[in-house]
Amino acid sequence: MTSELKRAVRASGLPLNRIAVQSGVQVAALRRFMAGEQSLRLDKADLLAAYFGLSLRKD
């Protein structure tokens, strides 16, 4: 799911600030996530997935 979220963020072409505000995920957390420095908490990953119309699922 991590790679799908990162792909969705990149493919959107939207600034991280806009995604953060509209999704409810803090911009600092989103930046660290996109840089591969830190994972997102499950609740934040769920917010981001919902923003992009994705659903979290167990593989």
PDB file of N, CA and C in Angstrom:
ATOM      1  N   MET A   1       0.824  -1.195   0.000  1.00  0.00           N
ATOM      2  CA  MET A   1       0.000   0.000   0.000  1.00  0.00           C
ATOM      3  C   MET A   1       0.868   1.258   0.000  1.00  0.00           C
ATOM      4  N   THR A   2       2.008   1.210   0.646  1.00  0.00           N
ATOM      5  CA  THR A   2       2.886   2.378   0.695  1.00  0.00           C
ATOM      6  C   THR A   2       3.246   2.851  -0.701  1.00  0.00           C
ATOM      7  N   SER A   3       3.629   1.919  -1.550  1.00  0.00           N
ATOM      8  CA  SER A   3       4.025   2.311  -2.903  1.00  0.00           C
ATOM      9  C   SER A   3       2.833   2.865  -3.681  1.00  0.00           C
ATOM     10  N   GLU A   4       1.643   2.323  -3.447  1.00  0.00           N
ATOM     11  CA  GLU A   4       0.452   2.835  -4.121  1.00  0.00           C
ATOM     12  C   GLU A   4       0.156   4.270  -3.691  1.00  0.00           C
ATOM     13  N   LEU A   5       0.298   4.549  -2.410  1.00  0.00           N
ATOM     14  CA  LEU A   5       0.063   5.909  -1.916  1.00  0.00           C
ATOM     15  C   LEU A   5       1.075   6.878  -2.509  1.00  0.00           C
ATOM     16  N   LYS A   6       2.334   6.489  -2.510  1.00  0.00           N
ATOM     17  CA  LYS A   6       3.369   7.362  -3.065  1.00  0.00           C
ATOM     18  C   LYS A   6       3.134   7.597  -4.551  1.00  0.00           C
ATOM     19  N   ARG A   7       2.742   6.548  -5.252  1.00  0.00           N
ATOM     20  CA  ARG A   7       2.462   6.674  -6.679  1.00  0.00           C
ATOM     21  C   ARG A   7       1.302   7.636  -6.922  1.00  0.00           C
ATOM     22  N   ALA A   8       0.267   7.542  -6.096  1.00  0.00           N
ATOM     23  CA  ALA A   8      -0.900   8.418  -6.238  1.00  0.00           C
ATOM     24  C   ALA A   8      -0.523   9.874  -5.988  1.00  0.00           C
ATOM     25  N   VAL A   9       0.311  10.106  -4.984  1.00  0.00           N
ATOM     26  CA  VAL A   9       0.749  11.474  -4.688  1.00  0.00           C
ATOM     27  C   VAL A   9       1.531  12.032  -5.870  1.00  0.00           C
ATOM     28  N   ARG A  10       2.482  11.272  -6.358  1.00  0.00           N
ATOM     29  CA  ARG A  10       3.304  11.739  -7.484  1.00  0.00           C
ATOM     30  C   ARG A  10       2.468  11.955  -8.736  1.00  0.00           C
ATOM     31  N   ALA A  11       1.583  11.005  -9.028  1.00  0.00           N
ATOM     32  CA  ALA A  11       0.772  11.075 -10.245  1.00  0.00           C
ATOM     33  C   ALA A  11      -0.204  12.238 -10.217  1.00  0.00           C
ATOM     34  N   SER A  12      -0.588  12.669  -9.034  1.00  0.00           N
ATOM     35  CA  SER A  12      -1.551  13.767  -8.935  1.00  0.00           C
ATOM     36  C   SER A  12      -0.964  15.073  -9.440  1.00  0.00           C
ATOM     37  N   GLY A  13       0.354  15.238  -9.288  1.00  0.00           N
ATOM     38  CA  GLY A  13       0.995  16.481  -9.688  1.00  0.00           C
ATOM     39  C   GLY A  13       0.659  17.651  -8.784  1.00  0.00           C
ATOM     40  N   LEU A  14      -0.050  17.376  -7.695  1.00  0.00           N
ATOM     41  CA  LEU A  14      -0.445  18.439  -6.761  1.00  0.00           C
ATOM     42  C   LEU A  14       0.674  18.722  -5.770  1.00  0.00           C
ATOM     43  N   PRO A  15       0.765  19.963  -5.315  1.00  0.00           N
ATOM     44  CA  PRO A  15       1.753  20.287  -4.279  1.00  0.00           C
ATOM     45  C   PRO A  15       1.422  19.540  -2.989  1.00  0.00           C
ATOM     46  N   LEU A  16       2.458  19.122  -2.274  1.00  0.00           N
ATOM     47  CA  LEU A  16       2.241  18.413  -1.015  1.00  0.00           C
ATOM     48  C   LEU A  16       1.437  19.243  -0.025  1.00  0.00           C
ATOM     49  N   ASN A  17       1.639  20.551  -0.039  1.00  0.00           N
ATOM     50  CA  ASN A  17       0.873  21.409   0.874  1.00  0.00           C
ATOM     51  C   ASN A  17      -0.625  21.280   0.625  1.00  0.00           C
ATOM     52  N   ARG A  18      -1.021  21.268  -0.630  1.00  0.00           N
ATOM     53  CA  ARG A  18      -2.447  21.161  -0.961  1.00  0.00           C
ATOM     54  C   ARG A  18      -2.998  19.792  -0.555  1.00  0.00           C
ATOM     55  N   ILE A  19      -2.245  18.742  -0.862  1.00  0.00           N
ATOM     56  CA  ILE A  19      -2.678  17.396  -0.488  1.00  0.00           C
ATOM     57  C   ILE A  19      -2.832  17.295   1.025  1.00  0.00           C
ATOM     58  N   ALA A  20      -1.876  17.856   1.743  1.00  0.00           N
ATOM     59  CA  ALA A  20      -1.922  17.803   3.205  1.00  0.00           C
ATOM     60  C   ALA A  20      -3.169  18.498   3.748  1.00  0.00           C
ATOM     61  N   VAL A  21      -3.426  19.698   3.289  1.00  0.00           N
ATOM     62  CA  VAL A  21      -4.580  20.460   3.772  1.00  0.00           C
ATOM     63  C   VAL A  21      -5.880  19.737   3.432  1.00  0.00           C
ATOM     64  N   GLN A  22      -5.996  19.280   2.202  1.00  0.00           N
ATOM     65  CA  GLN A  22      -7.245  18.674   1.754  1.00  0.00           C
ATOM     66  C   GLN A  22      -7.471  17.263   2.298  1.00  0.00           C
ATOM     67  N   SER A  23      -6.399  16.567   2.638  1.00  0.00           N
ATOM     68  CA  SER A  23      -6.538  15.193   3.133  1.00  0.00           C
ATOM     69  C   SER A  23      -6.575  15.110   4.655  1.00  0.00           C
ATOM     70  N   GLY A  24      -6.048  16.123   5.320  1.00  0.00           N
ATOM     71  CA  GLY A  24      -5.993  16.083   6.778  1.00  0.00           C
ATOM     72  C   GLY A  24      -4.715  15.473   7.330  1.00  0.00           C
ATOM     73  N   VAL A  25      -3.740  15.240   6.454  1.00  0.00           N
ATOM     74  CA  VAL A  25      -2.438  14.704   6.866  1.00  0.00           C
ATOM     75  C   VAL A  25      -1.471  15.875   6.987  1.00  0.00           C
ATOM     76  N   GLN A  26      -0.740  15.942   8.081  1.00  0.00           N
ATOM     77  CA  GLN A  26       0.187  17.058   8.264  1.00  0.00           C
ATOM     78  C   GLN A  26       1.243  17.052   7.163  1.00  0.00           C
ATOM     79  N   VAL A  27       1.560  18.242   6.678  1.00  0.00           N
ATOM     80  CA  VAL A  27       2.501  18.356   5.565  1.00  0.00           C
ATOM     81  C   VAL A  27       3.872  17.797   5.934  1.00  0.00           C
ATOM     82  N   ALA A  28       4.308  17.989   7.169  1.00  0.00           N
ATOM     83  CA  ALA A  28       5.618  17.465   7.578  1.00  0.00           C
ATOM     84  C   ALA A  28       5.631  15.937   7.511  1.00  0.00           C
ATOM     85  N   ALA A  29       4.556  15.306   7.959  1.00  0.00           N
ATOM     86  CA  ALA A  29       4.459  13.844   7.913  1.00  0.00           C
ATOM     87  C   ALA A  29       4.424  13.371   6.468  1.00  0.00           C
ATOM     88  N   LEU A  30       3.707  14.096   5.626  1.00  0.00           N
ATOM     89  CA  LEU A  30       3.619  13.739   4.213  1.00  0.00           C
ATOM     90  C   LEU A  30       4.984  13.877   3.540  1.00  0.00           C
ATOM     91  N   ARG A  31       5.700  14.924   3.851  1.00  0.00           N
ATOM     92  CA  ARG A  31       7.044  15.110   3.271  1.00  0.00           C
ATOM     93  C   ARG A  31       7.990  13.990   3.690  1.00  0.00           C
ATOM     94  N   ARG A  32       7.977  13.640   4.990  1.00  0.00           N
ATOM     95  CA  ARG A  32       8.844  12.560   5.482  1.00  0.00           C
ATOM     96  C   ARG A  32       8.470  11.231   4.824  1.00  0.00           C
ATOM     97  N   PHE A  33       7.177  10.997   4.659  1.00  0.00           N
ATOM     98  CA  PHE A  33       6.697   9.778   4.017  1.00  0.00           C
ATOM     99  C   PHE A  33       7.181   9.713   2.571  1.00  0.00           C
ATOM    100  N   MET A  34       7.022  10.793   1.847  1.00  0.00           N
ATOM    101  CA  MET A  34       7.420  10.810   0.438  1.00  0.00           C
ATOM    102  C   MET A  34       8.930  10.687   0.271  1.00  0.00           C
ATOM    103  N   ALA A  35       9.679  11.167   1.245  1.00  0.00           N
ATOM    104  CA  ALA A  35      11.141  11.074   1.193  1.00  0.00           C
ATOM    105  C   ALA A  35      11.643   9.709   1.659  1.00  0.00           C
ATOM    106  N   GLY A  36      10.738   8.855   2.147  1.00  0.00           N
ATOM    107  CA  GLY A  36      11.133   7.541   2.636  1.00  0.00           C
ATOM    108  C   GLY A  36      11.778   7.574   3.996  1.00  0.00           C
ATOM    109  N   GLU A  37      11.608   8.660   4.714  1.00  0.00           N
ATOM    110  CA  GLU A  37      12.223   8.813   6.030  1.00  0.00           C
ATOM    111  C   GLU A  37      11.365   8.230   7.150  1.00  0.00           C
ATOM    112  N   GLN A  38      10.064   8.126   6.910  1.00  0.00           N
ATOM    113  CA  GLN A  38       9.159   7.691   7.959  1.00  0.00           C
ATOM    114  C   GLN A  38       7.877   7.146   7.335  1.00  0.00           C
ATOM    115  N   SER A  39       7.305   6.156   7.967  1.00  0.00           N
ATOM    116  CA  SER A  39       6.012   5.632   7.529  1.00  0.00           C
ATOM    117  C   SER A  39       4.904   6.520   8.060  1.00  0.00           C
ATOM    118  N   LEU A  40       3.747   6.420   7.445  1.00  0.00           N
ATOM    119  CA  LEU A  40       2.574   7.121   7.952  1.00  0.00           C
ATOM    120  C   LEU A  40       1.880   6.247   8.976  1.00  0.00           C
ATOM    121  N   ARG A  41       1.318   6.854   9.999  1.00  0.00           N
ATOM    122  CA  ARG A  41       0.465   6.120  10.925  1.00  0.00           C
ATOM    123  C   ARG A  41      -0.719   5.585  10.129  1.00  0.00           C
ATOM    124  N   LEU A  42      -1.297   4.510  10.584  1.00  0.00           N
ATOM    125  CA  LEU A  42      -2.389   3.883   9.863  1.00  0.00           C
ATOM    126  C   LEU A  42      -3.557   4.838   9.654  1.00  0.00           C
ATOM    127  N   ASP A  43      -3.897   5.639  10.662  1.00  0.00           N
ATOM    128  CA  ASP A  43      -5.026   6.566  10.504  1.00  0.00           C
ATOM    129  C   ASP A  43      -4.726   7.628   9.459  1.00  0.00           C
ATOM    130  N   LYS A  44      -3.476   8.056   9.371  1.00  0.00           N
ATOM    131  CA  LYS A  44      -3.091   9.057   8.367  1.00  0.00           C
ATOM    132  C   LYS A  44      -3.015   8.433   6.979  1.00  0.00           C
ATOM    133  N   ALA A  45      -2.536   7.195   6.905  1.00  0.00           N
ATOM    134  CA  ALA A  45      -2.506   6.500   5.623  1.00  0.00           C
ATOM    135  C   ALA A  45      -3.935   6.303   5.107  1.00  0.00           C
ATOM    136  N   ASP A  46      -4.856   6.033   6.024  1.00  0.00           N
ATOM    137  CA  ASP A  46      -6.255   5.863   5.644  1.00  0.00           C
ATOM    138  C   ASP A  46      -6.833   7.171   5.101  1.00  0.00           C
ATOM    139  N   LEU A  47      -6.497   8.293   5.734  1.00  0.00           N
ATOM    140  CA  LEU A  47      -6.952   9.595   5.237  1.00  0.00           C
ATOM    141  C   LEU A  47      -6.416   9.867   3.836  1.00  0.00           C
ATOM    142  N   LEU A  48      -5.145   9.592   3.652  1.00  0.00           N
ATOM    143  CA  LEU A  48      -4.524   9.822   2.352  1.00  0.00           C
ATOM    144  C   LEU A  48      -5.118   8.899   1.290  1.00  0.00           C
ATOM    145  N   ALA A  49      -5.331   7.654   1.639  1.00  0.00           N
ATOM    146  CA  ALA A  49      -5.940   6.714   0.704  1.00  0.00           C
ATOM    147  C   ALA A  49      -7.344   7.174   0.311  1.00  0.00           C
ATOM    148  N   ALA A  50      -8.118   7.604   1.282  1.00  0.00           N
ATOM    149  CA  ALA A  50      -9.469   8.082   0.998  1.00  0.00           C
ATOM    150  C   ALA A  50      -9.429   9.304   0.087  1.00  0.00           C
ATOM    151  N   TYR A  51      -8.483  10.190   0.314  1.00  0.00           N
ATOM    152  CA  TYR A  51      -8.343  11.391  -0.516  1.00  0.00           C
ATOM    153  C   TYR A  51      -8.148  11.019  -1.985  1.00  0.00           C
ATOM    154  N   PHE A  52      -7.371   9.962  -2.215  1.00  0.00           N
ATOM    155  CA  PHE A  52      -7.088   9.542  -3.585  1.00  0.00           C
ATOM    156  C   PHE A  52      -8.036   8.458  -4.090  1.00  0.00           C
ATOM    157  N   GLY A  53      -9.053   8.127  -3.297  1.00  0.00           N
ATOM    158  CA  GLY A  53     -10.029   7.140  -3.730  1.00  0.00           C
ATOM    159  C   GLY A  53      -9.515   5.718  -3.683  1.00  0.00           C
ATOM    160  N   LEU A  54      -8.511   5.486  -2.825  1.00  0.00           N
ATOM    161  CA  LEU A  54      -7.965   4.150  -2.654  1.00  0.00           C
ATOM    162  C   LEU A  54      -8.493   3.568  -1.351  1.00  0.00           C
ATOM    163  N   SER A  55      -8.390   2.266  -1.191  1.00  0.00           N
ATOM    164  CA  SER A  55      -8.778   1.671   0.085  1.00  0.00           C
ATOM    165  C   SER A  55      -7.620   0.841   0.608  1.00  0.00           C
ATOM    166  N   LEU A  56      -7.438   0.887   1.905  1.00  0.00           N
ATOM    167  CA  LEU A  56      -6.393   0.086   2.540  1.00  0.00           C
ATOM    168  C   LEU A  56      -6.895  -1.347   2.620  1.00  0.00           C
ATOM    169  N   ARG A  57      -6.034  -2.262   2.298  1.00  0.00           N
ATOM    170  CA  ARG A  57      -6.427  -3.669   2.383  1.00  0.00           C
ATOM    171  C   ARG A  57      -5.249  -4.503   2.835  1.00  0.00           C
ATOM    172  N   LYS A  58      -5.555  -5.600   3.428  1.00  0.00           N
ATOM    173  CA  LYS A  58      -4.527  -6.514   3.867  1.00  0.00           C
ATOM    174  C   LYS A  58      -4.153  -7.426   2.700  1.00  0.00           C
ATOM    175  N   ASP A  59      -2.875  -7.496   2.376  1.00  0.00           N
ATOM    176  CA  ASP A  59      -2.412  -8.345   1.265  1.00  0.00           C
ATOM    177  C   ASP A  59      -2.121  -9.739   1.738  1.00  0.00           C
TER     178      ASP A  59
END
